[in-house]
N, C-alpha and C. Protein backbone atom coordinates (compact mmCIF):
# COMPACT_ATOMS: atom_id res chain seq x y z
N MET A 1 -22.23 30.77 20.23
CA MET A 1 -21.32 30.23 19.24
C MET A 1 -20.63 28.96 19.74
N THR A 2 -20.56 28.81 21.05
CA THR A 2 -19.95 27.62 21.63
C THR A 2 -20.70 26.37 21.19
N ALA A 3 -22.03 26.45 21.17
CA ALA A 3 -22.83 25.30 20.76
C ALA A 3 -22.58 24.96 19.29
N HIS A 4 -22.37 25.97 18.46
CA HIS A 4 -22.10 25.72 17.04
C HIS A 4 -20.76 25.01 16.86
N VAL A 5 -19.76 25.44 17.60
CA VAL A 5 -18.44 24.80 17.49
C VAL A 5 -18.52 23.35 17.97
N ASP A 6 -19.25 23.13 19.06
CA ASP A 6 -19.43 21.75 19.53
C ASP A 6 -20.15 20.90 18.49
N LEU A 7 -21.17 21.48 17.85
CA LEU A 7 -21.90 20.74 16.82
C LEU A 7 -21.02 20.43 15.62
N VAL A 8 -20.18 21.37 15.22
CA VAL A 8 -19.25 21.10 14.11
C VAL A 8 -18.32 19.95 14.49
N GLY A 9 -17.83 19.94 15.71
CA GLY A 9 -16.97 18.85 16.17
C GLY A 9 -17.68 17.52 16.12
N VAL A 10 -18.92 17.48 16.60
CA VAL A 10 -19.70 16.24 16.58
C VAL A 10 -19.98 15.81 15.14
N LEU A 11 -20.34 16.76 14.28
CA LEU A 11 -20.61 16.42 12.88
C LEU A 11 -19.35 15.92 12.18
N PHE A 12 -18.20 16.48 12.51
CA PHE A 12 -16.95 15.98 11.95
C PHE A 12 -16.72 14.53 12.39
N ILE A 13 -16.98 14.23 13.64
CA ILE A 13 -16.78 12.87 14.14
C ILE A 13 -17.74 11.91 13.44
N ILE A 14 -19.01 12.29 13.34
CA ILE A 14 -20.01 11.43 12.68
C ILE A 14 -19.65 11.24 11.21
N TRP A 15 -19.34 12.34 10.52
CA TRP A 15 -18.96 12.26 9.11
C TRP A 15 -17.73 11.37 8.94
N GLY A 16 -16.76 11.49 9.83
CA GLY A 16 -15.56 10.68 9.75
C GLY A 16 -15.84 9.20 9.97
N LEU A 17 -16.69 8.89 10.94
CA LEU A 17 -17.03 7.48 11.19
C LEU A 17 -17.80 6.88 10.02
N LEU A 18 -18.72 7.64 9.45
CA LEU A 18 -19.48 7.13 8.30
C LEU A 18 -18.57 6.95 7.08
N THR A 19 -17.67 7.89 6.86
CA THR A 19 -16.74 7.77 5.74
C THR A 19 -15.81 6.59 5.93
N THR A 20 -15.36 6.37 7.15
CA THR A 20 -14.52 5.21 7.44
C THR A 20 -15.28 3.91 7.20
N LEU A 21 -16.55 3.90 7.58
CA LEU A 21 -17.39 2.72 7.34
C LEU A 21 -17.53 2.45 5.83
N VAL A 22 -17.73 3.50 5.06
CA VAL A 22 -17.79 3.35 3.61
C VAL A 22 -16.46 2.81 3.07
N GLY A 23 -15.36 3.31 3.63
CA GLY A 23 -14.05 2.84 3.20
C GLY A 23 -13.83 1.36 3.51
N VAL A 24 -14.27 0.94 4.68
CA VAL A 24 -14.11 -0.48 5.05
C VAL A 24 -14.98 -1.36 4.16
N SER A 25 -16.20 -0.93 3.86
CA SER A 25 -17.05 -1.74 2.99
C SER A 25 -16.51 -1.76 1.56
N THR A 26 -15.92 -0.66 1.10
CA THR A 26 -15.32 -0.65 -0.23
C THR A 26 -14.09 -1.55 -0.27
N LEU A 27 -13.36 -1.59 0.84
CA LEU A 27 -12.23 -2.51 0.92
C LEU A 27 -12.70 -3.96 0.81
N ALA A 28 -13.85 -4.25 1.38
CA ALA A 28 -14.41 -5.61 1.26
C ALA A 28 -14.72 -5.92 -0.21
N LEU A 29 -15.19 -4.93 -0.95
CA LEU A 29 -15.43 -5.15 -2.39
C LEU A 29 -14.13 -5.40 -3.13
N GLY A 30 -13.08 -4.69 -2.74
CA GLY A 30 -11.77 -4.91 -3.35
C GLY A 30 -11.25 -6.30 -3.07
N ILE A 31 -11.47 -6.77 -1.84
CA ILE A 31 -11.05 -8.13 -1.49
C ILE A 31 -11.86 -9.15 -2.29
N GLY A 32 -13.14 -8.85 -2.51
CA GLY A 32 -13.97 -9.72 -3.34
C GLY A 32 -13.46 -9.79 -4.77
N ALA A 33 -12.99 -8.67 -5.29
CA ALA A 33 -12.43 -8.66 -6.64
C ALA A 33 -11.14 -9.48 -6.69
N VAL A 34 -10.35 -9.43 -5.63
CA VAL A 34 -9.14 -10.26 -5.58
C VAL A 34 -9.53 -11.74 -5.55
N ALA A 35 -10.60 -12.06 -4.83
CA ALA A 35 -11.07 -13.46 -4.82
C ALA A 35 -11.49 -13.90 -6.21
N LEU A 36 -12.08 -12.99 -7.00
CA LEU A 36 -12.42 -13.33 -8.39
C LEU A 36 -11.17 -13.61 -9.22
N ILE A 37 -10.12 -12.86 -8.98
CA ILE A 37 -8.87 -13.07 -9.71
C ILE A 37 -8.31 -14.46 -9.39
N VAL A 38 -8.34 -14.81 -8.11
CA VAL A 38 -7.80 -16.11 -7.69
C VAL A 38 -8.63 -17.24 -8.27
N SER A 39 -9.96 -17.10 -8.22
CA SER A 39 -10.81 -18.18 -8.76
C SER A 39 -10.71 -18.27 -10.27
N ALA A 40 -10.53 -17.14 -10.96
CA ALA A 40 -10.40 -17.15 -12.41
C ALA A 40 -9.08 -17.79 -12.84
N SER A 41 -8.04 -17.60 -12.03
CA SER A 41 -6.75 -18.18 -12.41
C SER A 41 -6.77 -19.69 -12.25
N ARG A 42 -7.60 -20.19 -11.34
CA ARG A 42 -7.69 -21.66 -11.16
C ARG A 42 -8.47 -22.30 -12.30
N GLY A 43 -9.53 -21.61 -12.74
CA GLY A 43 -10.38 -22.19 -13.78
C GLY A 43 -9.92 -21.87 -15.18
N GLY A 44 -8.95 -21.01 -15.31
CA GLY A 44 -8.44 -20.68 -16.63
C GLY A 44 -9.35 -19.74 -17.40
N GLY A 45 -10.38 -19.17 -16.75
CA GLY A 45 -11.30 -18.27 -17.43
C GLY A 45 -10.73 -16.87 -17.58
N GLY A 46 -11.39 -16.07 -18.41
CA GLY A 46 -10.97 -14.69 -18.63
C GLY A 46 -11.48 -13.80 -17.51
N GLY A 47 -11.27 -12.53 -17.68
CA GLY A 47 -11.76 -11.56 -16.71
C GLY A 47 -10.76 -11.17 -15.65
N GLN A 48 -9.55 -11.65 -15.77
CA GLN A 48 -8.55 -11.31 -14.75
C GLN A 48 -8.15 -9.85 -14.82
N VAL A 49 -8.09 -9.29 -16.00
CA VAL A 49 -7.70 -7.89 -16.14
C VAL A 49 -8.77 -6.99 -15.53
N ALA A 50 -10.03 -7.27 -15.84
CA ALA A 50 -11.13 -6.47 -15.30
C ALA A 50 -11.20 -6.59 -13.78
N ALA A 51 -11.05 -7.80 -13.29
CA ALA A 51 -11.08 -8.00 -11.84
C ALA A 51 -9.88 -7.33 -11.18
N GLY A 52 -8.74 -7.35 -11.83
CA GLY A 52 -7.55 -6.70 -11.29
C GLY A 52 -7.72 -5.19 -11.22
N MET A 53 -8.30 -4.61 -12.27
CA MET A 53 -8.56 -3.16 -12.27
C MET A 53 -9.59 -2.81 -11.19
N THR A 54 -10.61 -3.62 -11.07
CA THR A 54 -11.64 -3.39 -10.05
C THR A 54 -11.03 -3.48 -8.66
N ALA A 55 -10.22 -4.48 -8.43
CA ALA A 55 -9.57 -4.63 -7.12
C ALA A 55 -8.68 -3.43 -6.81
N ALA A 56 -7.93 -2.98 -7.79
CA ALA A 56 -7.03 -1.84 -7.57
C ALA A 56 -7.81 -0.56 -7.28
N VAL A 57 -8.86 -0.31 -8.06
CA VAL A 57 -9.65 0.91 -7.87
C VAL A 57 -10.37 0.88 -6.53
N PHE A 58 -11.04 -0.23 -6.22
CA PHE A 58 -11.76 -0.32 -4.95
C PHE A 58 -10.81 -0.20 -3.75
N THR A 59 -9.65 -0.81 -3.85
CA THR A 59 -8.70 -0.74 -2.74
C THR A 59 -8.16 0.68 -2.57
N ALA A 60 -7.84 1.34 -3.66
CA ALA A 60 -7.36 2.72 -3.58
C ALA A 60 -8.43 3.64 -3.00
N LEU A 61 -9.66 3.53 -3.50
CA LEU A 61 -10.76 4.35 -2.98
C LEU A 61 -11.03 4.05 -1.51
N ALA A 62 -10.90 2.79 -1.14
CA ALA A 62 -11.14 2.41 0.25
C ALA A 62 -10.12 3.06 1.17
N PHE A 63 -8.86 3.03 0.80
CA PHE A 63 -7.83 3.63 1.65
C PHE A 63 -7.98 5.15 1.72
N ILE A 64 -8.37 5.76 0.61
CA ILE A 64 -8.61 7.21 0.62
C ILE A 64 -9.76 7.54 1.57
N ALA A 65 -10.85 6.77 1.49
CA ALA A 65 -12.01 7.01 2.35
C ALA A 65 -11.67 6.77 3.82
N ILE A 66 -10.92 5.75 4.11
CA ILE A 66 -10.54 5.46 5.50
C ILE A 66 -9.65 6.58 6.05
N ILE A 67 -8.69 7.02 5.28
CA ILE A 67 -7.81 8.10 5.73
C ILE A 67 -8.60 9.39 5.90
N TRP A 68 -9.47 9.70 4.94
CA TRP A 68 -10.29 10.91 5.00
C TRP A 68 -11.21 10.88 6.22
N GLY A 69 -11.82 9.75 6.46
CA GLY A 69 -12.70 9.62 7.62
C GLY A 69 -11.96 9.73 8.94
N MET A 70 -10.83 9.08 9.03
CA MET A 70 -10.06 9.14 10.27
C MET A 70 -9.54 10.56 10.52
N ALA A 71 -9.21 11.29 9.46
CA ALA A 71 -8.78 12.68 9.63
C ALA A 71 -9.89 13.52 10.26
N HIS A 72 -11.12 13.28 9.84
CA HIS A 72 -12.25 14.02 10.42
C HIS A 72 -12.44 13.67 11.89
N VAL A 73 -12.32 12.41 12.23
CA VAL A 73 -12.48 12.00 13.63
C VAL A 73 -11.34 12.59 14.46
N ILE A 74 -10.12 12.50 13.94
CA ILE A 74 -8.96 13.00 14.68
C ILE A 74 -9.06 14.51 14.90
N VAL A 75 -9.67 15.24 13.99
CA VAL A 75 -9.82 16.69 14.14
C VAL A 75 -11.07 17.04 14.94
N GLY A 76 -12.11 16.24 14.83
CA GLY A 76 -13.37 16.56 15.51
C GLY A 76 -13.27 16.59 17.02
N VAL A 77 -12.50 15.68 17.58
CA VAL A 77 -12.38 15.62 19.05
C VAL A 77 -11.64 16.85 19.60
N PRO A 78 -10.45 17.20 19.10
CA PRO A 78 -9.80 18.40 19.64
C PRO A 78 -10.51 19.70 19.25
N LEU A 79 -11.30 19.66 18.19
CA LEU A 79 -12.07 20.84 17.82
C LEU A 79 -13.07 21.18 18.93
N ARG A 80 -13.66 20.17 19.51
CA ARG A 80 -14.59 20.40 20.62
C ARG A 80 -13.86 20.88 21.87
N ARG A 81 -12.56 20.64 21.94
CA ARG A 81 -11.76 21.09 23.09
C ARG A 81 -11.10 22.44 22.83
N ARG A 82 -11.45 23.05 21.71
CA ARG A 82 -10.99 24.39 21.33
C ARG A 82 -9.49 24.49 21.10
N ARG A 83 -8.92 23.47 20.48
CA ARG A 83 -7.50 23.51 20.14
C ARG A 83 -7.33 24.35 18.86
N PRO A 84 -6.49 25.37 18.89
CA PRO A 84 -6.34 26.24 17.71
C PRO A 84 -5.89 25.49 16.46
N TRP A 85 -5.01 24.51 16.58
CA TRP A 85 -4.55 23.76 15.41
C TRP A 85 -5.70 22.97 14.79
N ALA A 86 -6.63 22.50 15.61
CA ALA A 86 -7.76 21.74 15.09
C ALA A 86 -8.68 22.62 14.25
N ARG A 87 -8.80 23.89 14.64
CA ARG A 87 -9.61 24.82 13.85
C ARG A 87 -9.03 24.98 12.45
N LEU A 88 -7.72 25.13 12.36
CA LEU A 88 -7.09 25.31 11.05
C LEU A 88 -7.24 24.08 10.16
N ILE A 89 -7.05 22.92 10.74
CA ILE A 89 -7.20 21.69 9.95
C ILE A 89 -8.66 21.47 9.59
N ALA A 90 -9.57 21.80 10.50
CA ALA A 90 -11.01 21.68 10.20
C ALA A 90 -11.40 22.61 9.05
N LEU A 91 -10.80 23.78 8.99
CA LEU A 91 -11.06 24.69 7.87
C LEU A 91 -10.59 24.08 6.55
N MET A 92 -9.43 23.43 6.57
CA MET A 92 -8.93 22.79 5.36
C MET A 92 -9.83 21.62 4.95
N LEU A 93 -10.18 20.77 5.91
CA LEU A 93 -11.05 19.63 5.60
C LEU A 93 -12.42 20.10 5.13
N GLY A 94 -12.96 21.12 5.81
CA GLY A 94 -14.26 21.65 5.43
C GLY A 94 -14.26 22.24 4.04
N SER A 95 -13.15 22.84 3.65
CA SER A 95 -13.05 23.41 2.30
C SER A 95 -13.12 22.31 1.23
N VAL A 96 -12.46 21.20 1.48
CA VAL A 96 -12.50 20.09 0.53
C VAL A 96 -13.86 19.39 0.59
N ASP A 97 -14.46 19.34 1.78
CA ASP A 97 -15.78 18.73 1.93
C ASP A 97 -16.83 19.41 1.07
N LEU A 98 -16.63 20.67 0.75
CA LEU A 98 -17.58 21.40 -0.09
C LEU A 98 -17.81 20.70 -1.43
N LEU A 99 -16.83 19.95 -1.89
CA LEU A 99 -16.93 19.26 -3.18
C LEU A 99 -17.71 17.94 -3.10
N LEU A 100 -17.96 17.45 -1.89
CA LEU A 100 -18.59 16.14 -1.71
C LEU A 100 -20.10 16.32 -1.51
N LEU A 101 -20.80 16.37 -2.63
CA LEU A 101 -22.26 16.60 -2.60
C LEU A 101 -22.99 15.42 -2.02
N PRO A 102 -24.09 15.59 -1.36
CA PRO A 102 -24.67 16.81 -0.82
C PRO A 102 -24.26 17.06 0.63
N TYR A 103 -23.96 15.98 1.37
CA TYR A 103 -23.73 16.13 2.81
C TYR A 103 -22.41 16.82 3.13
N GLY A 104 -21.38 16.51 2.37
CA GLY A 104 -20.11 17.16 2.58
C GLY A 104 -20.20 18.66 2.31
N THR A 105 -21.01 19.03 1.33
CA THR A 105 -21.20 20.45 1.03
C THR A 105 -21.85 21.16 2.21
N ALA A 106 -22.86 20.54 2.77
CA ALA A 106 -23.54 21.14 3.94
C ALA A 106 -22.60 21.22 5.13
N LEU A 107 -21.86 20.15 5.39
CA LEU A 107 -20.91 20.15 6.51
C LEU A 107 -19.81 21.18 6.29
N GLY A 108 -19.27 21.23 5.09
CA GLY A 108 -18.20 22.18 4.80
C GLY A 108 -18.66 23.62 4.92
N ALA A 109 -19.84 23.92 4.39
CA ALA A 109 -20.36 25.29 4.47
C ALA A 109 -20.61 25.68 5.93
N TYR A 110 -21.20 24.78 6.69
CA TYR A 110 -21.47 25.07 8.11
C TYR A 110 -20.17 25.23 8.89
N ALA A 111 -19.20 24.36 8.64
CA ALA A 111 -17.92 24.45 9.34
C ALA A 111 -17.21 25.76 9.01
N LEU A 112 -17.21 26.14 7.74
CA LEU A 112 -16.58 27.40 7.37
C LEU A 112 -17.29 28.59 7.99
N TRP A 113 -18.62 28.56 8.01
CA TRP A 113 -19.39 29.66 8.61
C TRP A 113 -19.06 29.79 10.10
N VAL A 114 -19.04 28.67 10.80
CA VAL A 114 -18.79 28.70 12.25
C VAL A 114 -17.35 29.09 12.56
N LEU A 115 -16.41 28.48 11.87
CA LEU A 115 -15.00 28.66 12.22
C LEU A 115 -14.37 29.94 11.67
N LEU A 116 -14.99 30.56 10.68
CA LEU A 116 -14.48 31.82 10.16
C LEU A 116 -15.20 33.03 10.75
N ASN A 117 -16.26 32.79 11.48
CA ASN A 117 -16.99 33.85 12.16
C ASN A 117 -16.09 34.45 13.24
N GLU A 118 -16.19 35.75 13.46
CA GLU A 118 -15.32 36.40 14.46
C GLU A 118 -15.50 35.80 15.86
N ARG A 119 -16.73 35.50 16.23
CA ARG A 119 -16.95 34.90 17.55
C ARG A 119 -16.43 33.48 17.60
N GLY A 120 -16.50 32.78 16.48
CA GLY A 120 -15.92 31.44 16.42
C GLY A 120 -14.41 31.46 16.52
N LYS A 121 -13.79 32.43 15.85
CA LYS A 121 -12.32 32.58 15.93
C LYS A 121 -11.90 32.87 17.37
N ALA A 122 -12.68 33.71 18.05
CA ALA A 122 -12.33 34.12 19.41
C ALA A 122 -12.32 32.93 20.38
N LEU A 123 -13.14 31.92 20.11
CA LEU A 123 -13.17 30.75 20.99
C LEU A 123 -11.87 29.95 20.94
N PHE A 124 -11.13 30.12 19.85
CA PHE A 124 -9.88 29.38 19.68
C PHE A 124 -8.65 30.23 19.95
N ALA A 125 -8.86 31.44 20.44
CA ALA A 125 -7.73 32.34 20.69
C ALA A 125 -6.89 31.79 21.83
N GLU A 126 -5.59 31.97 21.70
CA GLU A 126 -4.66 31.55 22.75
C GLU A 126 -4.89 32.39 24.00
N PRO A 127 -4.73 31.82 25.18
CA PRO A 127 -4.86 32.62 26.40
C PRO A 127 -3.86 33.78 26.40
N GLY A 128 -4.34 34.95 26.76
CA GLY A 128 -3.47 36.10 26.81
C GLY A 128 -3.46 36.90 25.52
N SER A 129 -4.17 36.44 24.48
CA SER A 129 -4.19 37.20 23.24
C SER A 129 -5.21 38.33 23.37
N ARG A 130 -5.21 39.21 22.42
CA ARG A 130 -6.05 40.40 22.49
C ARG A 130 -7.49 40.15 22.07
N THR A 131 -7.79 39.02 21.49
CA THR A 131 -9.13 38.73 21.01
C THR A 131 -10.07 38.51 22.19
N GLN A 132 -11.22 39.13 22.13
CA GLN A 132 -12.19 39.00 23.21
C GLN A 132 -13.48 38.43 22.64
N VAL A 133 -14.18 37.65 23.45
CA VAL A 133 -15.46 37.11 23.07
C VAL A 133 -16.53 38.06 23.57
N THR A 134 -17.40 38.48 22.67
CA THR A 134 -18.50 39.37 23.06
C THR A 134 -19.75 38.55 23.27
N ALA A 135 -20.51 38.90 24.27
CA ALA A 135 -21.75 38.19 24.57
C ALA A 135 -22.85 38.65 23.64
N LEU A 136 -23.80 37.78 23.39
CA LEU A 136 -24.95 38.14 22.56
C LEU A 136 -26.00 38.82 23.36
């Protein structure tokens, strides 16, 4: 089960980095929409409302993706170090990931399976607790 927990941590880090990359590229699209607004205002042409809405939507989605990705990276590293708080946050993130078809669904299902398994829970037990890890 140790290998599964390590893999979940690595997958969280990879998923977080890819999501952050998507967020940064979406932010570039938002900046491009702002450039359209600036150029349209100089030429007196229409389309400022559409470009403004596009800029706002792309920027909002970009910040959501960047925050979501960074949360996965921030949780993935301590998850591999068996921090109990990281397990709880990974369970929350994995639950929401189930809605992000198709890769988030696979990651979320795998994370929930690993982290809710009794042997997976035991890996995150505080020293001195009654939970014991059984060998296979």
